[in-house]
Structures are given as structure tokens and as C-alpha cells.
Amino acid sequence: MRNSITLYGIPNCDTVKKARAWLAEHQVEVQFHDFKKLGLPEARLDHWLVSAGWEKLLNRQGTTWRKLDPDTQASVKDAQSARALMLAQASVIKRPVVEWNAGDVSVGFDAANWLSRLK
């Protein structure tokens, strides 16, 4: 059932590259969903917001966030405003987002956590 794991991200993101290499090294088959080519699936975003929370999904350290004007940054104060920004600019989502077999979601790359999920 490992083929039901889906990794969402952008192929040129260093963290996504590291995560994909780690998964390949551990012989884990995943489906890759490229935000740039395939867009951000709105229904999946809603699931992530419930599962992981908007604070965890919103990448305030990334280039996209830093390039936003201060008023736009200040306007993101709850799940609804974060959702609107993420739909407008998927690059502001912390990557990778992984939907695991059990339907749970992880955000970012954490090798120890991922290894425990594969057991």
C-alpha cells in the first residue's frame, strides 16, 4: 500500500529534492504532485489545514513570504486568510507536504518521523 503516499511540492525546492532522494533511498514509492505544473488542489489544502494547521503549513521563513508586502503578511492571522494566500501563491506553503497511507499529513522533511511512519 506504499503507492498511496503522495508528496506535494515544487521539484526545484532543496527540501523536496532531499525528501525525494530519502524516499528513493528507502525504496518508498510515492506519487509526486508538482504545484507548479498541476496547481494546488483546493480540497487537499482544506484537508491539510484541518490535519496540520495553518501555522505549520505557512512558510514564514521562505523567499515567497519575505517578498510579500508587510500589509499582506499582517493580513494572515487565521486559517481563512492563510488559505486564501496559499491558494493565490502555493509557494508560501512549507514543503514537502506528504499524505501518508493512513491519511495523515506531515509538513516538511523529518527523516526520523518518516522512518517511523514506514514501519
PDB file of N, CA and C in Angstrom:
ATOM      1  N   MET A   1       0.822  -1.205   0.000  1.00  0.00           N
ATOM      2  CA  MET A   1       0.000   0.000   0.000  1.00  0.00           C
ATOM      3  C   MET A   1       0.859   1.260   0.000  1.00  0.00           C
ATOM      4  N   ARG A   2       2.164   1.119  -0.115  1.00  0.00           N
ATOM      5  CA  ARG A   2       3.023   2.304  -0.091  1.00  0.00           C
ATOM      6  C   ARG A   2       2.784   3.227  -1.277  1.00  0.00           C
ATOM      7  N   ASN A   3       2.187   2.700  -2.347  1.00  0.00           N
ATOM      8  CA  ASN A   3       1.979   3.536  -3.524  1.00  0.00           C
ATOM      9  C   ASN A   3       0.882   4.578  -3.311  1.00  0.00           C
ATOM     10  N   SER A   4       0.229   4.557  -2.157  1.00  0.00           N
ATOM     11  CA  SER A   4      -0.790   5.565  -1.901  1.00  0.00           C
ATOM     12  C   SER A   4      -0.215   6.795  -1.200  1.00  0.00           C
ATOM     13  N   ILE A   5       1.109   6.841  -1.031  1.00  0.00           N
ATOM     14  CA  ILE A   5       1.753   8.017  -0.443  1.00  0.00           C
ATOM     15  C   ILE A   5       1.917   9.073  -1.533  1.00  0.00           C
ATOM     16  N   THR A   6       1.490  10.297  -1.217  1.00  0.00           N
ATOM     17  CA  THR A   6       1.631  11.397  -2.175  1.00  0.00           C
ATOM     18  C   THR A   6       2.459  12.502  -1.548  1.00  0.00           C
ATOM     19  N   LEU A   7       3.466  12.960  -2.286  1.00  0.00           N
ATOM     20  CA  LEU A   7       4.326  14.049  -1.860  1.00  0.00           C
ATOM     21  C   LEU A   7       3.997  15.262  -2.722  1.00  0.00           C
ATOM     22  N   TYR A   8       3.667  16.360  -2.073  1.00  0.00           N
ATOM     23  CA  TYR A   8       3.320  17.606  -2.760  1.00  0.00           C
ATOM     24  C   TYR A   8       4.457  18.598  -2.591  1.00  0.00           C
ATOM     25  N   GLY A   9       4.794  19.276  -3.678  1.00  0.00           N
ATOM     26  CA  GLY A   9       5.855  20.267  -3.580  1.00  0.00           C
ATOM     27  C   GLY A   9       6.245  20.825  -4.921  1.00  0.00           C
ATOM     28  N   ILE A  10       7.427  21.388  -4.954  1.00  0.00           N
ATOM     29  CA  ILE A  10       7.994  22.008  -6.143  1.00  0.00           C
ATOM     30  C   ILE A  10       9.332  21.315  -6.403  1.00  0.00           C
ATOM     31  N   PRO A  11       9.554  20.817  -7.630  1.00  0.00           N
ATOM     32  CA  PRO A  11      10.733  19.992  -7.881  1.00  0.00           C
ATOM     33  C   PRO A  11      12.075  20.666  -7.629  1.00  0.00           C
ATOM     34  N   ASN A  12      12.167  21.982  -7.777  1.00  0.00           N
ATOM     35  CA  ASN A  12      13.466  22.638  -7.584  1.00  0.00           C
ATOM     36  C   ASN A  12      13.703  23.081  -6.141  1.00  0.00           C
ATOM     37  N   CYS A  13      12.774  22.799  -5.247  1.00  0.00           N
ATOM     38  CA  CYS A  13      12.935  23.112  -3.825  1.00  0.00           C
ATOM     39  C   CYS A  13      13.957  22.146  -3.221  1.00  0.00           C
ATOM     40  N   ASP A  14      14.960  22.673  -2.540  1.00  0.00           N
ATOM     41  CA  ASP A  14      16.015  21.831  -1.966  1.00  0.00           C
ATOM     42  C   ASP A  14      15.467  20.803  -0.981  1.00  0.00           C
ATOM     43  N   THR A  15      14.514  21.205  -0.168  1.00  0.00           N
ATOM     44  CA  THR A  15      13.950  20.270   0.817  1.00  0.00           C
ATOM     45  C   THR A  15      13.165  19.169   0.127  1.00  0.00           C
ATOM     46  N   VAL A  16      12.450  19.507  -0.930  1.00  0.00           N
ATOM     47  CA  VAL A  16      11.709  18.495  -1.694  1.00  0.00           C
ATOM     48  C   VAL A  16      12.701  17.531  -2.357  1.00  0.00           C
ATOM     49  N   LYS A  17      13.787  18.052  -2.898  1.00  0.00           N
ATOM     50  CA  LYS A  17      14.811  17.196  -3.504  1.00  0.00           C
ATOM     51  C   LYS A  17      15.370  16.219  -2.467  1.00  0.00           C
ATOM     52  N   LYS A  18      15.684  16.740  -1.277  1.00  0.00           N
ATOM     53  CA  LYS A  18      16.229  15.916  -0.206  1.00  0.00           C
ATOM     54  C   LYS A  18      15.209  14.836   0.202  1.00  0.00           C
ATOM     55  N   ALA A  19      13.947  15.229   0.316  1.00  0.00           N
ATOM     56  CA  ALA A  19      12.898  14.285   0.711  1.00  0.00           C
ATOM     57  C   ALA A  19      12.704  13.196  -0.334  1.00  0.00           C
ATOM     58  N   ARG A  20      12.689  13.575  -1.593  1.00  0.00           N
ATOM     59  CA  ARG A  20      12.510  12.592  -2.666  1.00  0.00           C
ATOM     60  C   ARG A  20      13.695  11.634  -2.724  1.00  0.00           C
ATOM     61  N   ALA A  21      14.896  12.150  -2.513  1.00  0.00           N
ATOM     62  CA  ALA A  21      16.088  11.288  -2.508  1.00  0.00           C
ATOM     63  C   ALA A  21      16.027  10.314  -1.327  1.00  0.00           C
ATOM     64  N   TRP A  22      15.599  10.793  -0.175  1.00  0.00           N
ATOM     65  CA  TRP A  22      15.494   9.942   1.003  1.00  0.00           C
ATOM     66  C   TRP A  22      14.475   8.823   0.757  1.00  0.00           C
ATOM     67  N   LEU A  23      13.335   9.174   0.194  1.00  0.00           N
ATOM     68  CA  LEU A  23      12.301   8.173  -0.092  1.00  0.00           C
ATOM     69  C   LEU A  23      12.805   7.137  -1.097  1.00  0.00           C
ATOM     70  N   ALA A  24      13.508   7.590  -2.122  1.00  0.00           N
ATOM     71  CA  ALA A  24      14.060   6.664  -3.116  1.00  0.00           C
ATOM     72  C   ALA A  24      15.091   5.740  -2.467  1.00  0.00           C
ATOM     73  N   GLU A  25      15.922   6.298  -1.613  1.00  0.00           N
ATOM     74  CA  GLU A  25      16.941   5.530  -0.904  1.00  0.00           C
ATOM     75  C   GLU A  25      16.301   4.435  -0.036  1.00  0.00           C
ATOM     76  N   HIS A  26      15.124   4.732   0.501  1.00  0.00           N
ATOM     77  CA  HIS A  26      14.402   3.772   1.338  1.00  0.00           C
ATOM     78  C   HIS A  26      13.395   2.949   0.528  1.00  0.00           C
ATOM     79  N   GLN A  27      13.507   3.045  -0.793  1.00  0.00           N
ATOM     80  CA  GLN A  27      12.683   2.272  -1.724  1.00  0.00           C
ATOM     81  C   GLN A  27      11.189   2.441  -1.468  1.00  0.00           C
ATOM     82  N   VAL A  28      10.800   3.689  -1.214  1.00  0.00           N
ATOM     83  CA  VAL A  28       9.393   4.011  -0.987  1.00  0.00           C
ATOM     84  C   VAL A  28       8.849   4.640  -2.259  1.00  0.00           C
ATOM     85  N   GLU A  29       7.825   4.017  -2.790  1.00  0.00           N
ATOM     86  CA  GLU A  29       7.185   4.574  -3.981  1.00  0.00           C
ATOM     87  C   GLU A  29       6.210   5.659  -3.547  1.00  0.00           C
ATOM     88  N   VAL A  30       6.335   6.788  -4.186  1.00  0.00           N
ATOM     89  CA  VAL A  30       5.421   7.894  -3.898  1.00  0.00           C
ATOM     90  C   VAL A  30       4.937   8.502  -5.199  1.00  0.00           C
ATOM     91  N   GLN A  31       3.789   9.080  -5.124  1.00  0.00           N
ATOM     92  CA  GLN A  31       3.280   9.863  -6.238  1.00  0.00           C
ATOM     93  C   GLN A  31       3.692  11.308  -5.945  1.00  0.00           C
ATOM     94  N   PHE A  32       4.298  11.973  -6.924  1.00  0.00           N
ATOM     95  CA  PHE A  32       4.729  13.361  -6.731  1.00  0.00           C
ATOM     96  C   PHE A  32       3.739  14.295  -7.404  1.00  0.00           C
ATOM     97  N   HIS A  33       3.271  15.284  -6.652  1.00  0.00           N
ATOM     98  CA  HIS A  33       2.355  16.290  -7.187  1.00  0.00           C
ATOM     99  C   HIS A  33       3.095  17.620  -7.223  1.00  0.00           C
ATOM    100  N   ASP A  34       3.362  18.099  -8.411  1.00  0.00           N
ATOM    101  CA  ASP A  34       4.105  19.337  -8.642  1.00  0.00           C
ATOM    102  C   ASP A  34       3.142  20.526  -8.630  1.00  0.00           C
ATOM    103  N   PHE A  35       3.274  21.389  -7.605  1.00  0.00           N
ATOM    104  CA  PHE A  35       2.428  22.577  -7.506  1.00  0.00           C
ATOM    105  C   PHE A  35       2.527  23.461  -8.750  1.00  0.00           C
ATOM    106  N   LYS A  36       3.731  23.557  -9.310  1.00  0.00           N
ATOM    107  CA  LYS A  36       3.944  24.456 -10.449  1.00  0.00           C
ATOM    108  C   LYS A  36       3.200  23.974 -11.689  1.00  0.00           C
ATOM    109  N   LYS A  37       3.236  22.663 -11.931  1.00  0.00           N
ATOM    110  CA  LYS A  37       2.604  22.120 -13.138  1.00  0.00           C
ATOM    111  C   LYS A  37       1.139  21.758 -12.934  1.00  0.00           C
ATOM    112  N   LEU A  38       0.821  21.218 -11.773  1.00  0.00           N
ATOM    113  CA  LEU A  38      -0.517  20.671 -11.547  1.00  0.00           C
ATOM    114  C   LEU A  38      -1.409  21.558 -10.687  1.00  0.00           C
ATOM    115  N   GLY A  39      -0.829  22.614 -10.123  1.00  0.00           N
ATOM    116  CA  GLY A  39      -1.613  23.502  -9.278  1.00  0.00           C
ATOM    117  C   GLY A  39      -1.803  22.935  -7.883  1.00  0.00           C
ATOM    118  N   LEU A  40      -2.436  23.710  -7.054  1.00  0.00           N
ATOM    119  CA  LEU A  40      -2.716  23.324  -5.674  1.00  0.00           C
ATOM    120  C   LEU A  40      -4.149  22.826  -5.586  1.00  0.00           C
ATOM    121  N   PRO A  41      -4.338  21.545  -5.264  1.00  0.00           N
ATOM    122  CA  PRO A  41      -5.706  21.021  -5.163  1.00  0.00           C
ATOM    123  C   PRO A  41      -6.405  21.585  -3.919  1.00  0.00           C
ATOM    124  N   GLU A  42      -7.452  22.353  -4.145  1.00  0.00           N
ATOM    125  CA  GLU A  42      -8.136  23.059  -3.066  1.00  0.00           C
ATOM    126  C   GLU A  42      -8.657  22.115  -1.982  1.00  0.00           C
ATOM    127  N   ALA A  43      -9.216  20.981  -2.387  1.00  0.00           N
ATOM    128  CA  ALA A  43      -9.752  20.026  -1.406  1.00  0.00           C
ATOM    129  C   ALA A  43      -8.635  19.447  -0.532  1.00  0.00           C
ATOM    130  N   ARG A  44      -7.450  19.223  -1.140  1.00  0.00           N
ATOM    131  CA  ARG A  44      -6.325  18.706  -0.365  1.00  0.00           C
ATOM    132  C   ARG A  44      -5.848  19.765   0.620  1.00  0.00           C
ATOM    133  N   LEU A  45      -5.799  21.024   0.185  1.00  0.00           N
ATOM    134  CA  LEU A  45      -5.390  22.110   1.078  1.00  0.00           C
ATOM    135  C   LEU A  45      -6.308  22.163   2.293  1.00  0.00           C
ATOM    136  N   ASP A  46      -7.609  22.026   2.066  1.00  0.00           N
ATOM    137  CA  ASP A  46      -8.551  22.046   3.188  1.00  0.00           C
ATOM    138  C   ASP A  46      -8.262  20.911   4.165  1.00  0.00           C
ATOM    139  N   HIS A  47      -7.928  19.744   3.627  1.00  0.00           N
ATOM    140  CA  HIS A  47      -7.579  18.595   4.476  1.00  0.00           C
ATOM    141  C   HIS A  47      -6.305  18.888   5.276  1.00  0.00           C
ATOM    142  N   TRP A  48      -5.305  19.483   4.631  1.00  0.00           N
ATOM    143  CA  TRP A  48      -4.046  19.805   5.313  1.00  0.00           C
ATOM    144  C   TRP A  48      -4.268  20.827   6.424  1.00  0.00           C
ATOM    145  N   LEU A  49      -5.120  21.804   6.145  1.00  0.00           N
ATOM    146  CA  LEU A  49      -5.390  22.833   7.149  1.00  0.00           C
ATOM    147  C   LEU A  49      -6.013  22.221   8.398  1.00  0.00           C
ATOM    148  N   VAL A  50      -6.885  21.235   8.214  1.00  0.00           N
ATOM    149  CA  VAL A  50      -7.502  20.548   9.348  1.00  0.00           C
ATOM    150  C   VAL A  50      -6.483  19.645  10.034  1.00  0.00           C
ATOM    151  N   SER A  51      -5.721  18.892   9.240  1.00  0.00           N
ATOM    152  CA  SER A  51      -4.790  17.899   9.791  1.00  0.00           C
ATOM    153  C   SER A  51      -3.553  18.516  10.441  1.00  0.00           C
ATOM    154  N   ALA A  52      -2.952  19.477   9.763  1.00  0.00           N
ATOM    155  CA  ALA A  52      -1.668  20.021  10.228  1.00  0.00           C
ATOM    156  C   ALA A  52      -1.797  21.403  10.861  1.00  0.00           C
ATOM    157  N   GLY A  53      -2.806  22.152  10.453  1.00  0.00           N
ATOM    158  CA  GLY A  53      -2.962  23.510  10.962  1.00  0.00           C
ATOM    159  C   GLY A  53      -2.290  24.535  10.058  1.00  0.00           C
ATOM    160  N   TRP A  54      -2.880  25.703   9.957  1.00  0.00           N
ATOM    161  CA  TRP A  54      -2.365  26.721   9.040  1.00  0.00           C
ATOM    162  C   TRP A  54      -1.001  27.254   9.467  1.00  0.00           C
ATOM    163  N   GLU A  55      -0.748  27.305  10.782  1.00  0.00           N
ATOM    164  CA  GLU A  55       0.521  27.840  11.258  1.00  0.00           C
ATOM    165  C   GLU A  55       1.687  26.963  10.803  1.00  0.00           C
ATOM    166  N   LYS A  56       1.469  25.656  10.768  1.00  0.00           N
ATOM    167  CA  LYS A  56       2.523  24.741  10.353  1.00  0.00           C
ATOM    168  C   LYS A  56       2.700  24.764   8.831  1.00  0.00           C
ATOM    169  N   LEU A  57       1.606  24.936   8.106  1.00  0.00           N
ATOM    170  CA  LEU A  57       1.654  24.945   6.645  1.00  0.00           C
ATOM    171  C   LEU A  57       2.265  26.216   6.069  1.00  0.00           C
ATOM    172  N   LEU A  58       2.068  27.319   6.747  1.00  0.00           N
ATOM    173  CA  LEU A  58       2.539  28.612   6.236  1.00  0.00           C
ATOM    174  C   LEU A  58       4.036  28.759   6.478  1.00  0.00           C
ATOM    175  N   ASN A  59       4.798  28.892   5.397  1.00  0.00           N
ATOM    176  CA  ASN A  59       6.251  29.010   5.498  1.00  0.00           C
ATOM    177  C   ASN A  59       6.649  30.478   5.612  1.00  0.00           C
ATOM    178  N   ARG A  60       6.774  30.936   6.831  1.00  0.00           N
ATOM    179  CA  ARG A  60       7.149  32.339   7.074  1.00  0.00           C
ATOM    180  C   ARG A  60       8.655  32.572   6.925  1.00  0.00           C
ATOM    181  N   GLN A  61       9.427  31.493   6.701  1.00  0.00           N
ATOM    182  CA  GLN A  61      10.874  31.620   6.534  1.00  0.00           C
ATOM    183  C   GLN A  61      11.271  31.705   5.056  1.00  0.00           C
ATOM    184  N   GLY A  62      10.358  31.350   4.178  1.00  0.00           N
ATOM    185  CA  GLY A  62      10.689  31.228   2.763  1.00  0.00           C
ATOM    186  C   GLY A  62      10.753  32.538   2.006  1.00  0.00           C
ATOM    187  N   THR A  63      11.334  32.452   0.832  1.00  0.00           N
ATOM    188  CA  THR A  63      11.502  33.614  -0.046  1.00  0.00           C
ATOM    189  C   THR A  63      10.162  34.231  -0.429  1.00  0.00           C
ATOM    190  N   THR A  64       9.190  33.405  -0.753  1.00  0.00           N
ATOM    191  CA  THR A  64       7.880  33.930  -1.172  1.00  0.00           C
ATOM    192  C   THR A  64       7.272  34.790  -0.072  1.00  0.00           C
ATOM    193  N   TRP A  65       7.319  34.311   1.163  1.00  0.00           N
ATOM    194  CA  TRP A  65       6.778  35.084   2.285  1.00  0.00           C
ATOM    195  C   TRP A  65       7.539  36.393   2.458  1.00  0.00           C
ATOM    196  N   ARG A  66       8.854  36.324   2.408  1.00  0.00           N
ATOM    197  CA  ARG A  66       9.670  37.526   2.621  1.00  0.00           C
ATOM    198  C   ARG A  66       9.449  38.577   1.537  1.00  0.00           C
ATOM    199  N   LYS A  67       9.049  38.143   0.339  1.00  0.00           N
ATOM    200  CA  LYS A  67       8.809  39.087  -0.756  1.00  0.00           C
ATOM    201  C   LYS A  67       7.439  39.753  -0.663  1.00  0.00           C
ATOM    202  N   LEU A  68       6.563  39.232   0.187  1.00  0.00           N
ATOM    203  CA  LEU A  68       5.232  39.831   0.339  1.00  0.00           C
ATOM    204  C   LEU A  68       5.348  41.176   1.041  1.00  0.00           C
ATOM    205  N   ASP A  69       4.450  42.091   0.695  1.00  0.00           N
ATOM    206  CA  ASP A  69       4.473  43.384   1.374  1.00  0.00           C
ATOM    207  C   ASP A  69       3.979  43.200   2.816  1.00  0.00           C
ATOM    208  N   PRO A  70       4.405  44.068   3.719  1.00  0.00           N
ATOM    209  CA  PRO A  70       4.058  43.942   5.138  1.00  0.00           C
ATOM    210  C   PRO A  70       2.550  43.882   5.399  1.00  0.00           C
ATOM    211  N   ASP A  71       1.758  44.595   4.617  1.00  0.00           N
ATOM    212  CA  ASP A  71       0.308  44.569   4.813  1.00  0.00           C
ATOM    213  C   ASP A  71      -0.264  43.188   4.516  1.00  0.00           C
ATOM    214  N   THR A  72       0.235  42.548   3.449  1.00  0.00           N
ATOM    215  CA  THR A  72      -0.223  41.197   3.113  1.00  0.00           C
ATOM    216  C   THR A  72       0.188  40.227   4.208  1.00  0.00           C
ATOM    217  N   GLN A  73       1.420  40.325   4.669  1.00  0.00           N
ATOM    218  CA  GLN A  73       1.876  39.455   5.760  1.00  0.00           C
ATOM    219  C   GLN A  73       1.008  39.641   7.004  1.00  0.00           C
ATOM    220  N   ALA A  74       0.727  40.888   7.351  1.00  0.00           N
ATOM    221  CA  ALA A  74      -0.061  41.176   8.552  1.00  0.00           C
ATOM    222  C   ALA A  74      -1.508  40.703   8.419  1.00  0.00           C
ATOM    223  N   SER A  75      -1.994  40.584   7.192  1.00  0.00           N
ATOM    224  CA  SER A  75      -3.388  40.170   6.985  1.00  0.00           C
ATOM    225  C   SER A  75      -3.599  38.680   7.225  1.00  0.00           C
ATOM    226  N   VAL A  76      -2.518  37.908   7.294  1.00  0.00           N
ATOM    227  CA  VAL A  76      -2.624  36.466   7.523  1.00  0.00           C
ATOM    228  C   VAL A  76      -2.622  36.217   9.028  1.00  0.00           C
ATOM    229  N   LYS A  77      -3.830  36.023   9.563  1.00  0.00           N
ATOM    230  CA  LYS A  77      -3.958  35.886  11.012  1.00  0.00           C
ATOM    231  C   LYS A  77      -4.837  34.725  11.452  1.00  0.00           C
ATOM    232  N   ASP A  78      -5.353  33.957  10.485  1.00  0.00           N
ATOM    233  CA  ASP A  78      -6.177  32.795  10.825  1.00  0.00           C
ATOM    234  C   ASP A  78      -6.201  31.838   9.636  1.00  0.00           C
ATOM    235  N   ALA A  79      -6.882  30.724   9.813  1.00  0.00           N
ATOM    236  CA  ALA A  79      -6.898  29.688   8.767  1.00  0.00           C
ATOM    237  C   ALA A  79      -7.494  30.203   7.461  1.00  0.00           C
ATOM    238  N   GLN A  80      -8.520  31.011   7.543  1.00  0.00           N
ATOM    239  CA  GLN A  80      -9.173  31.509   6.332  1.00  0.00           C
ATOM    240  C   GLN A  80      -8.255  32.432   5.528  1.00  0.00           C
ATOM    241  N   SER A  81      -7.585  33.350   6.198  1.00  0.00           N
ATOM    242  CA  SER A  81      -6.685  34.268   5.487  1.00  0.00           C
ATOM    243  C   SER A  81      -5.448  33.522   4.978  1.00  0.00           C
ATOM    244  N   ALA A  82      -4.964  32.558   5.731  1.00  0.00           N
ATOM    245  CA  ALA A  82      -3.815  31.752   5.284  1.00  0.00           C
ATOM    246  C   ALA A  82      -4.211  30.928   4.060  1.00  0.00           C
ATOM    247  N   ARG A  83      -5.413  30.357   4.085  1.00  0.00           N
ATOM    248  CA  ARG A  83      -5.908  29.552   2.965  1.00  0.00           C
ATOM    249  C   ARG A  83      -5.968  30.395   1.689  1.00  0.00           C
ATOM    250  N   ALA A  84      -6.488  31.595   1.800  1.00  0.00           N
ATOM    251  CA  ALA A  84      -6.594  32.482   0.630  1.00  0.00           C
ATOM    252  C   ALA A  84      -5.216  32.777   0.049  1.00  0.00           C
ATOM    253  N   LEU A  85      -4.245  33.057   0.904  1.00  0.00           N
ATOM    254  CA  LEU A  85      -2.888  33.329   0.438  1.00  0.00           C
ATOM    255  C   LEU A  85      -2.270  32.091  -0.199  1.00  0.00           C
ATOM    256  N   MET A  86      -2.463  30.926   0.410  1.00  0.00           N
ATOM    257  CA  MET A  86      -1.899  29.685  -0.129  1.00  0.00           C
ATOM    258  C   MET A  86      -2.492  29.356  -1.498  1.00  0.00           C
ATOM    259  N   LEU A  87      -3.764  29.610  -1.673  1.00  0.00           N
ATOM    260  CA  LEU A  87      -4.387  29.366  -2.981  1.00  0.00           C
ATOM    261  C   LEU A  87      -3.853  30.344  -4.021  1.00  0.00           C
ATOM    262  N   ALA A  88      -3.587  31.564  -3.608  1.00  0.00           N
ATOM    263  CA  ALA A  88      -3.066  32.573  -4.535  1.00  0.00           C
ATOM    264  C   ALA A  88      -1.589  32.339  -4.855  1.00  0.00           C
ATOM    265  N   GLN A  89      -0.836  31.862  -3.858  1.00  0.00           N
ATOM    266  CA  GLN A  89       0.608  31.657  -4.015  1.00  0.00           C
ATOM    267  C   GLN A  89       1.024  30.374  -3.310  1.00  0.00           C
ATOM    268  N   ALA A  90       0.940  29.269  -4.017  1.00  0.00           N
ATOM    269  CA  ALA A  90       1.246  27.958  -3.425  1.00  0.00           C
ATOM    270  C   ALA A  90       2.669  27.887  -2.886  1.00  0.00           C
ATOM    271  N   SER A  91       3.561  28.716  -3.396  1.00  0.00           N
ATOM    272  CA  SER A  91       4.956  28.682  -2.946  1.00  0.00           C
ATOM    273  C   SER A  91       5.123  29.101  -1.492  1.00  0.00           C
ATOM    274  N   VAL A  92       4.086  29.651  -0.892  1.00  0.00           N
ATOM    275  CA  VAL A  92       4.158  30.065   0.508  1.00  0.00           C
ATOM    276  C   VAL A  92       3.887  28.875   1.453  1.00  0.00           C
ATOM    277  N   ILE A  93       3.547  27.722   0.890  1.00  0.00           N
ATOM    278  CA  ILE A  93       3.313  26.519   1.693  1.00  0.00           C
ATOM    279  C   ILE A  93       4.654  25.856   2.001  1.00  0.00           C
ATOM    280  N   LYS A  94       4.839  25.496   3.264  1.00  0.00           N
ATOM    281  CA  LYS A  94       6.059  24.786   3.662  1.00  0.00           C
ATOM    282  C   LYS A  94       6.063  23.422   2.971  1.00  0.00           C
ATOM    283  N   ARG A  95       7.219  23.051   2.453  1.00  0.00           N
ATOM    284  CA  ARG A  95       7.318  21.821   1.676  1.00  0.00           C
ATOM    285  C   ARG A  95       8.343  20.865   2.274  1.00  0.00           C
ATOM    286  N   PRO A  96       8.169  19.587   1.945  1.00  0.00           N
ATOM    287  CA  PRO A  96       7.042  18.995   1.237  1.00  0.00           C
ATOM    288  C   PRO A  96       5.861  18.720   2.181  1.00  0.00           C
ATOM    289  N   VAL A  97       4.694  18.617   1.576  1.00  0.00           N
ATOM    290  CA  VAL A  97       3.514  18.126   2.289  1.00  0.00           C
ATOM    291  C   VAL A  97       3.357  16.684   1.830  1.00  0.00           C
ATOM    292  N   VAL A  98       3.231  15.765   2.780  1.00  0.00           N
ATOM    293  CA  VAL A  98       3.096  14.350   2.440  1.00  0.00           C
ATOM    294  C   VAL A  98       1.804  13.818   3.037  1.00  0.00           C
ATOM    295  N   GLU A  99       1.034  13.155   2.180  1.00  0.00           N
ATOM    296  CA  GLU A  99      -0.151  12.433   2.644  1.00  0.00           C
ATOM    297  C   GLU A  99       0.252  10.964   2.718  1.00  0.00           C
ATOM    298  N   TRP A 100       0.213  10.426   3.919  1.00  0.00           N
ATOM    299  CA  TRP A 100       0.654   9.059   4.176  1.00  0.00           C
ATOM    300  C   TRP A 100      -0.494   8.075   3.994  1.00  0.00           C
ATOM    301  N   ASN A 101      -0.157   6.795   4.014  1.00  0.00           N
ATOM    302  CA  ASN A 101      -1.144   5.725   3.814  1.00  0.00           C
ATOM    303  C   ASN A 101      -2.358   5.855   4.716  1.00  0.00           C
ATOM    304  N   ALA A 102      -2.136   6.194   5.968  1.00  0.00           N
ATOM    305  CA  ALA A 102      -3.233   6.258   6.931  1.00  0.00           C
ATOM    306  C   ALA A 102      -4.084   7.509   6.761  1.00  0.00           C
ATOM    307  N   GLY A 103      -3.700   8.363   5.807  1.00  0.00           N
ATOM    308  CA  GLY A 103      -4.458   9.586   5.571  1.00  0.00           C
ATOM    309  C   GLY A 103      -3.963  10.769   6.378  1.00  0.00           C
ATOM    310  N   ASP A 104      -2.979  10.524   7.243  1.00  0.00           N
ATOM    311  CA  ASP A 104      -2.446  11.651   7.993  1.00  0.00           C
ATOM    312  C   ASP A 104      -1.451  12.435   7.142  1.00  0.00           C
ATOM    313  N   VAL A 105      -1.124  13.613   7.615  1.00  0.00           N
ATOM    314  CA  VAL A 105      -0.339  14.560   6.837  1.00  0.00           C
ATOM    315  C   VAL A 105       0.887  14.991   7.626  1.00  0.00           C
ATOM    316  N   SER A 106       2.018  15.106   6.935  1.00  0.00           N
ATOM    317  CA  SER A 106       3.197  15.712   7.544  1.00  0.00           C
ATOM    318  C   SER A 106       3.632  16.885   6.676  1.00  0.00           C
ATOM    319  N   VAL A 107       4.263  17.853   7.325  1.00  0.00           N
ATOM    320  CA  VAL A 107       4.728  19.054   6.639  1.00  0.00           C
ATOM    321  C   VAL A 107       6.215  19.214   6.915  1.00  0.00           C
ATOM    322  N   GLY A 108       7.000  19.368   5.845  1.00  0.00           N
ATOM    323  CA  GLY A 108       8.444  19.471   5.990  1.00  0.00           C
ATOM    324  C   GLY A 108       9.072  18.083   5.965  1.00  0.00           C
ATOM    325  N   PHE A 109      10.389  18.064   5.964  1.00  0.00           N
ATOM    326  CA  PHE A 109      11.113  16.794   5.912  1.00  0.00           C
ATOM    327  C   PHE A 109      11.717  16.487   7.278  1.00  0.00           C
ATOM    328  N   ASP A 110      11.372  15.303   7.809  1.00  0.00           N
ATOM    329  CA  ASP A 110      11.889  14.848   9.093  1.00  0.00           C
ATOM    330  C   ASP A 110      12.163  13.354   8.953  1.00  0.00           C
ATOM    331  N   ALA A 111      13.426  12.995   8.707  1.00  0.00           N
ATOM    332  CA  ALA A 111      13.789  11.607   8.412  1.00  0.00           C
ATOM    333  C   ALA A 111      13.375  10.648   9.521  1.00  0.00           C
ATOM    334  N   ALA A 112      13.578  11.008  10.764  1.00  0.00           N
ATOM    335  CA  ALA A 112      13.226  10.114  11.877  1.00  0.00           C
ATOM    336  C   ALA A 112      11.716   9.876  11.920  1.00  0.00           C
ATOM    337  N   ASN A 113      10.956  10.941  11.753  1.00  0.00           N
ATOM    338  CA  ASN A 113       9.496  10.818  11.749  1.00  0.00           C
ATOM    339  C   ASN A 113       9.037   9.962  10.573  1.00  0.00           C
ATOM    340  N   TRP A 114       9.612  10.202   9.422  1.00  0.00           N
ATOM    341  CA  TRP A 114       9.219   9.444   8.231  1.00  0.00           C
ATOM    342  C   TRP A 114       9.565   7.965   8.388  1.00  0.00           C
ATOM    343  N   LEU A 115      10.718   7.683   8.962  1.00  0.00           N
ATOM    344  CA  LEU A 115      11.125   6.285   9.151  1.00  0.00           C
ATOM    345  C   LEU A 115      10.126   5.558  10.049  1.00  0.00           C
ATOM    346  N   SER A 116       9.678   6.237  11.097  1.00  0.00           N
ATOM    347  CA  SER A 116       8.692   5.623  11.997  1.00  0.00           C
ATOM    348  C   SER A 116       7.360   5.384  11.288  1.00  0.00           C
ATOM    349  N   ARG A 117       7.012   6.211  10.327  1.00  0.00           N
ATOM    350  CA  ARG A 117       5.767   6.041   9.574  1.00  0.00           C
ATOM    351  C   ARG A 117       5.827   4.855   8.624  1.00  0.00           C
ATOM    352  N   LEU A 118       7.024   4.475   8.224  1.00  0.00           N
ATOM    353  CA  LEU A 118       7.183   3.401   7.251  1.00  0.00           C
ATOM    354  C   LEU A 118       7.234   2.016   7.895  1.00  0.00           C
ATOM    355  N   LYS A 119       7.312   1.967   9.210  1.00  0.00           N
ATOM    356  CA  LYS A 119       7.418   0.673   9.900  1.00  0.00           C
ATOM    357  C   LYS A 119       6.059   0.042  10.086  1.00  0.00           C
TER     358      LYS A 119
END
